Amino acid sequence: MLITRFAEALDPTGGRMQRVALHTKLKPGMEEAYEKIHAVIPGDLDAALREGGVRTWRIWRDGLDLFHFVEVDDYARLQEFLRENPADVAWQARINPLLDGGFDPGAGGLTMVWELP
């Protein structure tokens, strides 16, 4: 997974948040399984993401490429919070076998090129 050098933004209430762009890649033939698993995520994972500060997490797919857009209070804090969280550990065990390369929170990555403010 590639991680952007996140951008800080203001939420509608004037609070600070980070916008993070991520890129992952599916193994060939795993598209349907990935979408099926994401049709309904486990309630404990939803709760953990929200407790960790996630405001929104959207995923788009183009072939095998997955593009994630995350709005979060503090991405580094989220990663630390999820590292040993049972809900996320179980989720990663389900998702990582579908990914080509798995999840690497320390990888360099996407740079925001332009934004219409």
PDB file of N, CA and C in Angstrom:
ATOM      1  N   MET A   1       0.851  -1.170   0.000  1.00  0.00           N
ATOM      2  CA  MET A   1       0.000   0.000   0.000  1.00  0.00           C
ATOM      3  C   MET A   1       0.890   1.223   0.000  1.00  0.00           C
ATOM      4  N   LEU A   2       0.514   2.209  -0.779  1.00  0.00           N
ATOM      5  CA  LEU A   2       1.232   3.470  -0.810  1.00  0.00           C
ATOM      6  C   LEU A   2       0.452   4.503  -0.033  1.00  0.00           C
ATOM      7  N   ILE A   3       1.157   5.289   0.732  1.00  0.00           N
ATOM      8  CA  ILE A   3       0.508   6.287   1.572  1.00  0.00           C
ATOM      9  C   ILE A   3       0.962   7.670   1.154  1.00  0.00           C
ATOM     10  N   THR A   4       0.020   8.564   0.999  1.00  0.00           N
ATOM     11  CA  THR A   4       0.342   9.929   0.629  1.00  0.00           C
ATOM     12  C   THR A   4       1.002  10.673   1.774  1.00  0.00           C
ATOM     13  N   ARG A   5       1.650  11.735   1.443  1.00  0.00           N
ATOM     14  CA  ARG A   5       2.032  12.717   2.447  1.00  0.00           C
ATOM     15  C   ARG A   5       0.747  13.485   2.685  1.00  0.00           C
ATOM     16  N   PHE A   6       0.034  13.137   3.744  1.00  0.00           N
ATOM     17  CA  PHE A   6      -1.332  13.596   3.938  1.00  0.00           C
ATOM     18  C   PHE A   6      -1.427  15.111   4.020  1.00  0.00           C
ATOM     19  N   ALA A   7      -2.596  15.601   3.676  1.00  0.00           N
ATOM     20  CA  ALA A   7      -2.886  17.034   3.712  1.00  0.00           C
ATOM     21  C   ALA A   7      -3.819  17.315   4.870  1.00  0.00           C
ATOM     22  N   GLU A   8      -3.562  18.410   5.549  1.00  0.00           N
ATOM     23  CA  GLU A   8      -4.472  18.823   6.619  1.00  0.00           C
ATOM     24  C   GLU A   8      -5.591  19.647   6.010  1.00  0.00           C
ATOM     25  N   ALA A   9      -6.762  19.522   6.582  1.00  0.00           N
ATOM     26  CA  ALA A   9      -7.932  20.254   6.103  1.00  0.00           C
ATOM     27  C   ALA A   9      -8.801  20.594   7.298  1.00  0.00           C
ATOM     28  N   LEU A  10      -9.761  21.462   7.067  1.00  0.00           N
ATOM     29  CA  LEU A  10     -10.745  21.792   8.092  1.00  0.00           C
ATOM     30  C   LEU A  10     -12.017  21.014   7.812  1.00  0.00           C
ATOM     31  N   ASP A  11     -12.622  20.474   8.859  1.00  0.00           N
ATOM     32  CA  ASP A  11     -13.913  19.823   8.685  1.00  0.00           C
ATOM     33  C   ASP A  11     -15.000  20.902   8.711  1.00  0.00           C
ATOM     34  N   PRO A  12     -16.242  20.545   8.429  1.00  0.00           N
ATOM     35  CA  PRO A  12     -17.315  21.549   8.386  1.00  0.00           C
ATOM     36  C   PRO A  12     -17.498  22.338   9.680  1.00  0.00           C
ATOM     37  N   THR A  13     -17.045  21.792  10.808  1.00  0.00           N
ATOM     38  CA  THR A  13     -17.190  22.515  12.075  1.00  0.00           C
ATOM     39  C   THR A  13     -15.970  23.367  12.395  1.00  0.00           C
ATOM     40  N   GLY A  14     -14.962  23.356  11.510  1.00  0.00           N
ATOM     41  CA  GLY A  14     -13.755  24.140  11.736  1.00  0.00           C
ATOM     42  C   GLY A  14     -12.644  23.373  12.421  1.00  0.00           C
ATOM     43  N   GLY A  15     -12.873  22.093  12.750  1.00  0.00           N
ATOM     44  CA  GLY A  15     -11.828  21.269  13.361  1.00  0.00           C
ATOM     45  C   GLY A  15     -10.844  20.766  12.316  1.00  0.00           C
ATOM     46  N   ARG A  16      -9.674  20.397  12.754  1.00  0.00           N
ATOM     47  CA  ARG A  16      -8.643  19.890  11.841  1.00  0.00           C
ATOM     48  C   ARG A  16      -8.810  18.390  11.607  1.00  0.00           C
ATOM     49  N   MET A  17      -8.491  17.964  10.397  1.00  0.00           N
ATOM     50  CA  MET A  17      -8.457  16.546  10.063  1.00  0.00           C
ATOM     51  C   MET A  17      -7.395  16.357   8.996  1.00  0.00           C
ATOM     52  N   GLN A  18      -7.036  15.111   8.738  1.00  0.00           N
ATOM     53  CA  GLN A  18      -6.080  14.789   7.690  1.00  0.00           C
ATOM     54  C   GLN A  18      -6.803  14.050   6.577  1.00  0.00           C
ATOM     55  N   ARG A  19      -6.386  14.340   5.361  1.00  0.00           N
ATOM     56  CA  ARG A  19      -6.879  13.624   4.187  1.00  0.00           C
ATOM     57  C   ARG A  19      -5.742  12.756   3.693  1.00  0.00           C
ATOM     58  N   VAL A  20      -6.023  11.475   3.546  1.00  0.00           N
ATOM     59  CA  VAL A  20      -4.990  10.510   3.192  1.00  0.00           C
ATOM     60  C   VAL A  20      -5.428   9.753   1.944  1.00  0.00           C
ATOM     61  N   ALA A  21      -4.544   9.673   0.943  1.00  0.00           N
ATOM     62  CA  ALA A  21      -4.801   8.894  -0.265  1.00  0.00           C
ATOM     63  C   ALA A  21      -3.936   7.643  -0.222  1.00  0.00           C
ATOM     64  N   LEU A  22      -4.559   6.496  -0.430  1.00  0.00           N
ATOM     65  CA  LEU A  22      -3.872   5.208  -0.377  1.00  0.00           C
ATOM     66  C   LEU A  22      -4.080   4.459  -1.680  1.00  0.00           C
ATOM     67  N   HIS A  23      -3.119   3.619  -2.040  1.00  0.00           N
ATOM     68  CA  HIS A  23      -3.236   2.780  -3.228  1.00  0.00           C
ATOM     69  C   HIS A  23      -2.861   1.359  -2.850  1.00  0.00           C
ATOM     70  N   THR A  24      -3.734   0.423  -3.151  1.00  0.00           N
ATOM     71  CA  THR A  24      -3.425  -0.994  -2.999  1.00  0.00           C
ATOM     72  C   THR A  24      -3.755  -1.684  -4.307  1.00  0.00           C
ATOM     73  N   LYS A  25      -3.286  -2.907  -4.448  1.00  0.00           N
ATOM     74  CA  LYS A  25      -3.517  -3.656  -5.674  1.00  0.00           C
ATOM     75  C   LYS A  25      -4.014  -5.049  -5.317  1.00  0.00           C
ATOM     76  N   LEU A  26      -5.041  -5.488  -6.026  1.00  0.00           N
ATOM     77  CA  LEU A  26      -5.580  -6.832  -5.835  1.00  0.00           C
ATOM     78  C   LEU A  26      -4.766  -7.856  -6.615  1.00  0.00           C
ATOM     79  N   LYS A  27      -4.766  -9.088  -6.122  1.00  0.00           N
ATOM     80  CA  LYS A  27      -4.243 -10.194  -6.902  1.00  0.00           C
ATOM     81  C   LYS A  27      -5.254 -10.476  -8.014  1.00  0.00           C
ATOM     82  N   PRO A  28      -4.788 -10.919  -9.180  1.00  0.00           N
ATOM     83  CA  PRO A  28      -5.720 -11.237 -10.262  1.00  0.00           C
ATOM     84  C   PRO A  28      -6.774 -12.245  -9.807  1.00  0.00           C
ATOM     85  N   GLY A  29      -8.024 -11.974 -10.193  1.00  0.00           N
ATOM     86  CA  GLY A  29      -9.133 -12.855  -9.867  1.00  0.00           C
ATOM     87  C   GLY A  29      -9.778 -12.603  -8.517  1.00  0.00           C
ATOM     88  N   MET A  30      -9.282 -11.631  -7.763  1.00  0.00           N
ATOM     89  CA  MET A  30      -9.803 -11.372  -6.417  1.00  0.00           C
ATOM     90  C   MET A  30     -10.803 -10.209  -6.364  1.00  0.00           C
ATOM     91  N   GLU A  31     -11.141  -9.652  -7.516  1.00  0.00           N
ATOM     92  CA  GLU A  31     -12.021  -8.488  -7.545  1.00  0.00           C
ATOM     93  C   GLU A  31     -13.379  -8.767  -6.898  1.00  0.00           C
ATOM     94  N   GLU A  32     -14.018  -9.847  -7.308  1.00  0.00           N
ATOM     95  CA  GLU A  32     -15.356 -10.157  -6.797  1.00  0.00           C
ATOM     96  C   GLU A  32     -15.326 -10.448  -5.294  1.00  0.00           C
ATOM     97  N   ALA A  33     -14.341 -11.201  -4.854  1.00  0.00           N
ATOM     98  CA  ALA A  33     -14.232 -11.516  -3.423  1.00  0.00           C
ATOM     99  C   ALA A  33     -14.022 -10.244  -2.609  1.00  0.00           C
ATOM    100  N   TYR A  34     -13.179  -9.336  -3.100  1.00  0.00           N
ATOM    101  CA  TYR A  34     -12.906  -8.085  -2.386  1.00  0.00           C
ATOM    102  C   TYR A  34     -14.184  -7.255  -2.244  1.00  0.00           C
ATOM    103  N   GLU A  35     -14.926  -7.133  -3.339  1.00  0.00           N
ATOM    104  CA  GLU A  35     -16.159  -6.344  -3.293  1.00  0.00           C
ATOM    105  C   GLU A  35     -17.212  -7.012  -2.405  1.00  0.00           C
ATOM    106  N   LYS A  36     -17.290  -8.328  -2.456  1.00  0.00           N
ATOM    107  CA  LYS A  36     -18.259  -9.048  -1.622  1.00  0.00           C
ATOM    108  C   LYS A  36     -17.946  -8.852  -0.134  1.00  0.00           C
ATOM    109  N   ILE A  37     -16.678  -8.955   0.237  1.00  0.00           N
ATOM    110  CA  ILE A  37     -16.281  -8.768   1.635  1.00  0.00           C
ATOM    111  C   ILE A  37     -16.598  -7.350   2.104  1.00  0.00           C
ATOM    112  N   HIS A  38     -16.444  -6.377   1.206  1.00  0.00           N
ATOM    113  CA  HIS A  38     -16.692  -4.984   1.583  1.00  0.00           C
ATOM    114  C   HIS A  38     -18.165  -4.582   1.498  1.00  0.00           C
ATOM    115  N   ALA A  39     -19.032  -5.466   1.020  1.00  0.00           N
ATOM    116  CA  ALA A  39     -20.454  -5.119   0.927  1.00  0.00           C
ATOM    117  C   ALA A  39     -21.004  -4.732   2.293  1.00  0.00           C
ATOM    118  N   VAL A  40     -20.574  -5.433   3.324  1.00  0.00           N
ATOM    119  CA  VAL A  40     -20.943  -5.113   4.711  1.00  0.00           C
ATOM    120  C   VAL A  40     -19.726  -5.434   5.573  1.00  0.00           C
ATOM    121  N   ILE A  41     -19.124  -4.396   6.148  1.00  0.00           N
ATOM    122  CA  ILE A  41     -17.980  -4.662   7.024  1.00  0.00           C
ATOM    123  C   ILE A  41     -18.491  -5.010   8.423  1.00  0.00           C
ATOM    124  N   PRO A  42     -17.720  -5.763   9.190  1.00  0.00           N
ATOM    125  CA  PRO A  42     -18.155  -6.140  10.541  1.00  0.00           C
ATOM    126  C   PRO A  42     -18.404  -4.911  11.424  1.00  0.00           C
ATOM    127  N   GLY A  43     -19.418  -5.003  12.264  1.00  0.00           N
ATOM    128  CA  GLY A  43     -19.762  -3.898  13.156  1.00  0.00           C
ATOM    129  C   GLY A  43     -18.633  -3.494  14.084  1.00  0.00           C
ATOM    130  N   ASP A  44     -17.856  -4.482  14.563  1.00  0.00           N
ATOM    131  CA  ASP A  44     -16.755  -4.135  15.464  1.00  0.00           C
ATOM    132  C   ASP A  44     -15.642  -3.394  14.735  1.00  0.00           C
ATOM    133  N   LEU A  45     -15.453  -3.674  13.429  1.00  0.00           N
ATOM    134  CA  LEU A  45     -14.467  -2.934  12.640  1.00  0.00           C
ATOM    135  C   LEU A  45     -14.944  -1.506  12.409  1.00  0.00           C
ATOM    136  N   ASP A  46     -16.216  -1.344  12.049  1.00  0.00           N
ATOM    137  CA  ASP A  46     -16.800  -0.011  11.878  1.00  0.00           C
ATOM    138  C   ASP A  46     -16.588   0.815  13.148  1.00  0.00           C
ATOM    139  N   ALA A  47     -16.899   0.218  14.293  1.00  0.00           N
ATOM    140  CA  ALA A  47     -16.747   0.923  15.573  1.00  0.00           C
ATOM    141  C   ALA A  47     -15.289   1.272  15.846  1.00  0.00           C
ATOM    142  N   ALA A  48     -14.373   0.353  15.549  1.00  0.00           N
ATOM    143  CA  ALA A  48     -12.946   0.605  15.788  1.00  0.00           C
ATOM    144  C   ALA A  48     -12.430   1.733  14.905  1.00  0.00           C
ATOM    145  N   LEU A  49     -12.819   1.743  13.631  1.00  0.00           N
ATOM    146  CA  LEU A  49     -12.380   2.812  12.732  1.00  0.00           C
ATOM    147  C   LEU A  49     -12.879   4.165  13.219  1.00  0.00           C
ATOM    148  N   ARG A  50     -14.137   4.217  13.609  1.00  0.00           N
ATOM    149  CA  ARG A  50     -14.695   5.485  14.107  1.00  0.00           C
ATOM    150  C   ARG A  50     -14.033   5.906  15.419  1.00  0.00           C
ATOM    151  N   GLU A  51     -13.811   4.952  16.315  1.00  0.00           N
ATOM    152  CA  GLU A  51     -13.148   5.267  17.581  1.00  0.00           C
ATOM    153  C   GLU A  51     -11.716   5.748  17.337  1.00  0.00           C
ATOM    154  N   GLY A  52     -11.087   5.226  16.294  1.00  0.00           N
ATOM    155  CA  GLY A  52      -9.729   5.628  15.937  1.00  0.00           C
ATOM    156  C   GLY A  52      -9.640   6.969  15.242  1.00  0.00           C
ATOM    157  N   GLY A  53     -10.791   7.593  14.958  1.00  0.00           N
ATOM    158  CA  GLY A  53     -10.791   8.929  14.377  1.00  0.00           C
ATOM    159  C   GLY A  53     -11.131   9.013  12.903  1.00  0.00           C
ATOM    160  N   VAL A  54     -11.517   7.896  12.274  1.00  0.00           N
ATOM    161  CA  VAL A  54     -11.891   7.938  10.856  1.00  0.00           C
ATOM    162  C   VAL A  54     -13.236   8.624  10.716  1.00  0.00           C
ATOM    163  N   ARG A  55     -13.298   9.587   9.822  1.00  0.00           N
ATOM    164  CA  ARG A  55     -14.559  10.282   9.533  1.00  0.00           C
ATOM    165  C   ARG A  55     -15.206   9.704   8.277  1.00  0.00           C
ATOM    166  N   THR A  56     -14.398   9.470   7.253  1.00  0.00           N
ATOM    167  CA  THR A  56     -14.872   8.797   6.036  1.00  0.00           C
ATOM    168  C   THR A  56     -13.736   7.941   5.485  1.00  0.00           C
ATOM    169  N   TRP A  57     -14.114   6.852   4.815  1.00  0.00           N
ATOM    170  CA  TRP A  57     -13.133   6.001   4.109  1.00  0.00           C
ATOM    171  C   TRP A  57     -13.843   5.510   2.862  1.00  0.00           C
ATOM    172  N   ARG A  58     -13.359   5.943   1.726  1.00  0.00           N
ATOM    173  CA  ARG A  58     -13.960   5.553   0.443  1.00  0.00           C
ATOM    174  C   ARG A  58     -12.929   4.776  -0.366  1.00  0.00           C
ATOM    175  N   ILE A  59     -13.398   3.770  -1.112  1.00  0.00           N
ATOM    176  CA  ILE A  59     -12.506   2.967  -1.949  1.00  0.00           C
ATOM    177  C   ILE A  59     -13.095   2.902  -3.354  1.00  0.00           C
ATOM    178  N   TRP A  60     -12.250   3.186  -4.351  1.00  0.00           N
ATOM    179  CA  TRP A  60     -12.614   3.031  -5.756  1.00  0.00           C
ATOM    180  C   TRP A  60     -11.717   1.952  -6.342  1.00  0.00           C
ATOM    181  N   ARG A  61     -12.248   1.206  -7.316  1.00  0.00           N
ATOM    182  CA  ARG A  61     -11.470   0.159  -7.977  1.00  0.00           C
ATOM    183  C   ARG A  61     -11.413   0.419  -9.471  1.00  0.00           C
ATOM    184  N   ASP A  62     -10.210   0.270 -10.043  1.00  0.00           N
ATOM    185  CA  ASP A  62      -9.990   0.323 -11.484  1.00  0.00           C
ATOM    186  C   ASP A  62      -9.188  -0.922 -11.838  1.00  0.00           C
ATOM    187  N   GLY A  63      -9.870  -1.941 -12.344  1.00  0.00           N
ATOM    188  CA  GLY A  63      -9.190  -3.210 -12.586  1.00  0.00           C
ATOM    189  C   GLY A  63      -8.726  -3.789 -11.263  1.00  0.00           C
ATOM    190  N   LEU A  64      -7.420  -3.984 -11.139  1.00  0.00           N
ATOM    191  CA  LEU A  64      -6.849  -4.525  -9.906  1.00  0.00           C
ATOM    192  C   LEU A  64      -6.401  -3.434  -8.938  1.00  0.00           C
ATOM    193  N   ASP A  65      -6.423  -2.191  -9.385  1.00  0.00           N
ATOM    194  CA  ASP A  65      -5.966  -1.074  -8.553  1.00  0.00           C
ATOM    195  C   ASP A  65      -7.086  -0.551  -7.671  1.00  0.00           C
ATOM    196  N   LEU A  66      -6.765  -0.369  -6.392  1.00  0.00           N
ATOM    197  CA  LEU A  66      -7.706   0.177  -5.412  1.00  0.00           C
ATOM    198  C   LEU A  66      -7.178   1.522  -4.935  1.00  0.00           C
ATOM    199  N   PHE A  67      -8.034   2.512  -4.950  1.00  0.00           N
ATOM    200  CA  PHE A  67      -7.673   3.849  -4.491  1.00  0.00           C
ATOM    201  C   PHE A  67      -8.566   4.199  -3.310  1.00  0.00           C
ATOM    202  N   HIS A  68      -7.942   4.508  -2.195  1.00  0.00           N
ATOM    203  CA  HIS A  68      -8.643   4.809  -0.947  1.00  0.00           C
ATOM    204  C   HIS A  68      -8.506   6.303  -0.658  1.00  0.00           C
ATOM    205  N   PHE A  69      -9.563   6.903  -0.164  1.00  0.00           N
ATOM    206  CA  PHE A  69      -9.530   8.289   0.309  1.00  0.00           C
ATOM    207  C   PHE A  69     -10.068   8.274   1.731  1.00  0.00           C
ATOM    208  N   VAL A  70      -9.227   8.691   2.673  1.00  0.00           N
ATOM    209  CA  VAL A  70      -9.567   8.627   4.091  1.00  0.00           C
ATOM    210  C   VAL A  70      -9.497  10.025   4.689  1.00  0.00           C
ATOM    211  N   GLU A  71     -10.532  10.399   5.411  1.00  0.00           N
ATOM    212  CA  GLU A  71     -10.497  11.615   6.221  1.00  0.00           C
ATOM    213  C   GLU A  71     -10.470  11.154   7.669  1.00  0.00           C
ATOM    214  N   VAL A  72      -9.442  11.578   8.396  1.00  0.00           N
ATOM    215  CA  VAL A  72      -9.179  11.053   9.734  1.00  0.00           C
ATOM    216  C   VAL A  72      -8.598  12.159  10.606  1.00  0.00           C
ATOM    217  N   ASP A  73      -8.855  12.061  11.897  1.00  0.00           N
ATOM    218  CA  ASP A  73      -8.314  13.061  12.817  1.00  0.00           C
ATOM    219  C   ASP A  73      -6.790  13.054  12.806  1.00  0.00           C
ATOM    220  N   ASP A  74      -6.170  11.886  12.902  1.00  0.00           N
ATOM    221  CA  ASP A  74      -4.707  11.758  12.964  1.00  0.00           C
ATOM    222  C   ASP A  74      -4.350  10.367  12.443  1.00  0.00           C
ATOM    223  N   TYR A  75      -3.792  10.294  11.222  1.00  0.00           N
ATOM    224  CA  TYR A  75      -3.545   9.002  10.586  1.00  0.00           C
ATOM    225  C   TYR A  75      -2.523   8.164  11.353  1.00  0.00           C
ATOM    226  N   ALA A  76      -1.468   8.779  11.852  1.00  0.00           N
ATOM    227  CA  ALA A  76      -0.461   8.032  12.617  1.00  0.00           C
ATOM    228  C   ALA A  76      -1.084   7.441  13.885  1.00  0.00           C
ATOM    229  N   ARG A  77      -1.925   8.214  14.546  1.00  0.00           N
ATOM    230  CA  ARG A  77      -2.604   7.719  15.749  1.00  0.00           C
ATOM    231  C   ARG A  77      -3.550   6.575  15.392  1.00  0.00           C
ATOM    232  N   LEU A  78      -4.239   6.686  14.258  1.00  0.00           N
ATOM    233  CA  LEU A  78      -5.126   5.609  13.810  1.00  0.00           C
ATOM    234  C   LEU A  78      -4.338   4.321  13.601  1.00  0.00           C
ATOM    235  N   GLN A  79      -3.197   4.406  12.917  1.00  0.00           N
ATOM    236  CA  GLN A  79      -2.386   3.214  12.665  1.00  0.00           C
ATOM    237  C   GLN A  79      -1.955   2.566  13.984  1.00  0.00           C
ATOM    238  N   GLU A  80      -1.546   3.373  14.942  1.00  0.00           N
ATOM    239  CA  GLU A  80      -1.144   2.845  16.251  1.00  0.00           C
ATOM    240  C   GLU A  80      -2.341   2.202  16.963  1.00  0.00           C
ATOM    241  N   PHE A  81      -3.484   2.872  16.903  1.00  0.00           N
ATOM    242  CA  PHE A  81      -4.702   2.370  17.540  1.00  0.00           C
ATOM    243  C   PHE A  81      -5.119   1.015  16.963  1.00  0.00           C
ATOM    244  N   LEU A  82      -4.999   0.868  15.636  1.00  0.00           N
ATOM    245  CA  LEU A  82      -5.448  -0.356  14.980  1.00  0.00           C
ATOM    246  C   LEU A  82      -4.439  -1.497  15.042  1.00  0.00           C
ATOM    247  N   ARG A  83      -3.181  -1.179  15.313  1.00  0.00           N
ATOM    248  CA  ARG A  83      -2.101  -2.170  15.231  1.00  0.00           C
ATOM    249  C   ARG A  83      -2.450  -3.489  15.934  1.00  0.00           C
ATOM    250  N   GLU A  84      -2.991  -3.440  17.115  1.00  0.00           N
ATOM    251  CA  GLU A  84      -3.325  -4.671  17.839  1.00  0.00           C
ATOM    252  C   GLU A  84      -4.812  -4.758  18.174  1.00  0.00           C
ATOM    253  N   ASN A  85      -5.615  -3.956  17.495  1.00  0.00           N
ATOM    254  CA  ASN A  85      -7.054  -3.989  17.721  1.00  0.00           C
ATOM    255  C   ASN A  85      -7.611  -5.302  17.156  1.00  0.00           C
ATOM    256  N   PRO A  86      -8.292  -6.109  17.958  1.00  0.00           N
ATOM    257  CA  PRO A  86      -8.776  -7.416  17.489  1.00  0.00           C
ATOM    258  C   PRO A  86      -9.649  -7.340  16.232  1.00  0.00           C
ATOM    259  N   ALA A  87     -10.474  -6.316  16.118  1.00  0.00           N
ATOM    260  CA  ALA A  87     -11.339  -6.193  14.941  1.00  0.00           C
ATOM    261  C   ALA A  87     -10.510  -5.969  13.682  1.00  0.00           C
ATOM    262  N   ASP A  88      -9.488  -5.118  13.769  1.00  0.00           N
ATOM    263  CA  ASP A  88      -8.665  -4.844  12.594  1.00  0.00           C
ATOM    264  C   ASP A  88      -7.721  -6.002  12.288  1.00  0.00           C
ATOM    265  N   VAL A  89      -7.195  -6.651  13.309  1.00  0.00           N
ATOM    266  CA  VAL A  89      -6.334  -7.817  13.083  1.00  0.00           C
ATOM    267  C   VAL A  89      -7.116  -8.888  12.314  1.00  0.00           C
ATOM    268  N   ALA A  90      -8.354  -9.139  12.717  1.00  0.00           N
ATOM    269  CA  ALA A  90      -9.197 -10.122  12.024  1.00  0.00           C
ATOM    270  C   ALA A  90      -9.501  -9.670  10.595  1.00  0.00           C
ATOM    271  N   TRP A  91      -9.768  -8.375  10.417  1.00  0.00           N
ATOM    272  CA  TRP A  91     -10.070  -7.835   9.088  1.00  0.00           C
ATOM    273  C   TRP A  91      -8.865  -7.975   8.168  1.00  0.00           C
ATOM    274  N   GLN A  92      -7.689  -7.605   8.653  1.00  0.00           N
ATOM    275  CA  GLN A  92      -6.479  -7.710   7.830  1.00  0.00           C
ATOM    276  C   GLN A  92      -6.203  -9.161   7.450  1.00  0.00           C
ATOM    277  N   ALA A  93      -6.505 -10.092   8.340  1.00  0.00           N
ATOM    278  CA  ALA A  93      -6.325 -11.516   8.030  1.00  0.00           C
ATOM    279  C   ALA A  93      -7.237 -11.951   6.884  1.00  0.00           C
ATOM    280  N   ARG A  94      -8.401 -11.329   6.758  1.00  0.00           N
ATOM    281  CA  ARG A  94      -9.330 -11.628   5.649  1.00  0.00           C
ATOM    282  C   ARG A  94      -8.915 -10.929   4.366  1.00  0.00           C
ATOM    283  N   ILE A  95      -8.462  -9.675   4.477  1.00  0.00           N
ATOM    284  CA  ILE A  95      -8.218  -8.846   3.299  1.00  0.00           C
ATOM    285  C   ILE A  95      -6.840  -9.070   2.685  1.00  0.00           C
ATOM    286  N   ASN A  96      -5.803  -9.173   3.510  1.00  0.00           N
ATOM    287  CA  ASN A  96      -4.439  -9.249   2.978  1.00  0.00           C
ATOM    288  C   ASN A  96      -4.212 -10.377   1.977  1.00  0.00           C
ATOM    289  N   PRO A  97      -4.829 -11.563   2.128  1.00  0.00           N
ATOM    290  CA  PRO A  97      -4.626 -12.600   1.113  1.00  0.00           C
ATOM    291  C   PRO A  97      -5.154 -12.212  -0.278  1.00  0.00           C
ATOM    292  N   LEU A  98      -6.041 -11.229  -0.340  1.00  0.00           N
ATOM    293  CA  LEU A  98      -6.584 -10.779  -1.622  1.00  0.00           C
ATOM    294  C   LEU A  98      -5.694  -9.739  -2.294  1.00  0.00           C
ATOM    295  N   LEU A  99      -4.791  -9.143  -1.516  1.00  0.00           N
ATOM    296  CA  LEU A  99      -3.978  -8.034  -2.005  1.00  0.00           C
ATOM    297  C   LEU A  99      -2.629  -8.505  -2.518  1.00  0.00           C
ATOM    298  N   ASP A 100      -2.168  -7.857  -3.573  1.00  0.00           N
ATOM    299  CA  ASP A 100      -0.835  -8.095  -4.105  1.00  0.00           C
ATOM    300  C   ASP A 100       0.114  -7.177  -3.347  1.00  0.00           C
ATOM    301  N   GLY A 101       0.771  -7.714  -2.330  1.00  0.00           N
ATOM    302  CA  GLY A 101       1.686  -6.906  -1.531  1.00  0.00           C
ATOM    303  C   GLY A 101       1.183  -6.614  -0.138  1.00  0.00           C
ATOM    304  N   GLY A 102      -0.080  -6.863   0.148  1.00  0.00           N
ATOM    305  CA  GLY A 102      -0.605  -6.618   1.489  1.00  0.00           C
ATOM    306  C   GLY A 102      -0.628  -5.155   1.851  1.00  0.00           C
ATOM    307  N   PHE A 103      -0.696  -4.892   3.133  1.00  0.00           N
ATOM    308  CA  PHE A 103      -0.805  -3.534   3.658  1.00  0.00           C
ATOM    309  C   PHE A 103       0.517  -3.145   4.293  1.00  0.00           C
ATOM    310  N   ASP A 104       1.125  -2.055   3.823  1.00  0.00           N
ATOM    311  CA  ASP A 104       2.386  -1.559   4.373  1.00  0.00           C
ATOM    312  C   ASP A 104       2.207  -0.106   4.770  1.00  0.00           C
ATOM    313  N   PRO A 105       1.900   0.168   6.051  1.00  0.00           N
ATOM    314  CA  PRO A 105       1.656   1.545   6.472  1.00  0.00           C
ATOM    315  C   PRO A 105       2.886   2.434   6.399  1.00  0.00           C
ATOM    316  N   GLY A 106       4.080   1.868   6.215  1.00  0.00           N
ATOM    317  CA  GLY A 106       5.290   2.679   6.170  1.00  0.00           C
ATOM    318  C   GLY A 106       5.767   3.009   4.766  1.00  0.00           C
ATOM    319  N   ALA A 107       5.064   2.546   3.741  1.00  0.00           N
ATOM    320  CA  ALA A 107       5.509   2.791   2.367  1.00  0.00           C
ATOM    321  C   ALA A 107       5.358   4.258   1.989  1.00  0.00           C
ATOM    322  N   GLY A 108       6.205   4.733   1.082  1.00  0.00           N
ATOM    323  CA  GLY A 108       6.065   6.085   0.549  1.00  0.00           C
ATOM    324  C   GLY A 108       4.928   6.097  -0.438  1.00  0.00           C
ATOM    325  N   GLY A 109       4.569   7.259  -0.991  1.00  0.00           N
ATOM    326  CA  GLY A 109       3.474   7.124  -1.924  1.00  0.00           C
ATOM    327  C   GLY A 109       2.923   8.329  -2.607  1.00  0.00           C
ATOM    328  N   LEU A 110       1.629   8.299  -2.763  1.00  0.00           N
ATOM    329  CA  LEU A 110       0.895   9.252  -3.571  1.00  0.00           C
ATOM    330  C   LEU A 110       1.090  10.679  -3.076  1.00  0.00           C
ATOM    331  N   THR A 111       1.344  11.550  -4.014  1.00  0.00           N
ATOM    332  CA  THR A 111       1.480  12.966  -3.703  1.00  0.00           C
ATOM    333  C   THR A 111       0.305  13.700  -4.322  1.00  0.00           C
ATOM    334  N   MET A 112      -0.380  14.510  -3.539  1.00  0.00           N
ATOM    335  CA  MET A 112      -1.474  15.294  -4.096  1.00  0.00           C
ATOM    336  C   MET A 112      -0.877  16.312  -5.067  1.00  0.00           C
ATOM    337  N   VAL A 113      -1.402  16.330  -6.280  1.00  0.00           N
ATOM    338  CA  VAL A 113      -0.897  17.209  -7.320  1.00  0.00           C
ATOM    339  C   VAL A 113      -1.725  18.480  -7.426  1.00  0.00           C
ATOM    340  N   TRP A 114      -3.040  18.361  -7.237  1.00  0.00           N
ATOM    341  CA  TRP A 114      -3.909  19.514  -7.439  1.00  0.00           C
ATOM    342  C   TRP A 114      -5.191  19.341  -6.653  1.00  0.00           C
ATOM    343  N   GLU A 115      -5.759  20.446  -6.222  1.00  0.00           N
ATOM    344  CA  GLU A 115      -7.045  20.439  -5.529  1.00  0.00           C
ATOM    345  C   GLU A 115      -7.772  21.731  -5.851  1.00  0.00           C
ATOM    346  N   LEU A 116      -9.057  21.636  -6.134  1.00  0.00           N
ATOM    347  CA  LEU A 116      -9.891  22.820  -6.297  1.00  0.00           C
ATOM    348  C   LEU A 116     -10.372  23.208  -4.907  1.00  0.00           C
ATOM    349  N   PRO A 117      -9.806  24.276  -4.341  1.00  0.00           N
ATOM    350  CA  PRO A 117     -10.185  24.645  -2.968  1.00  0.00           C
ATOM    351  C   PRO A 117     -11.595  25.212  -2.878  1.00  0.00           C
TER     352      PRO A 117
END
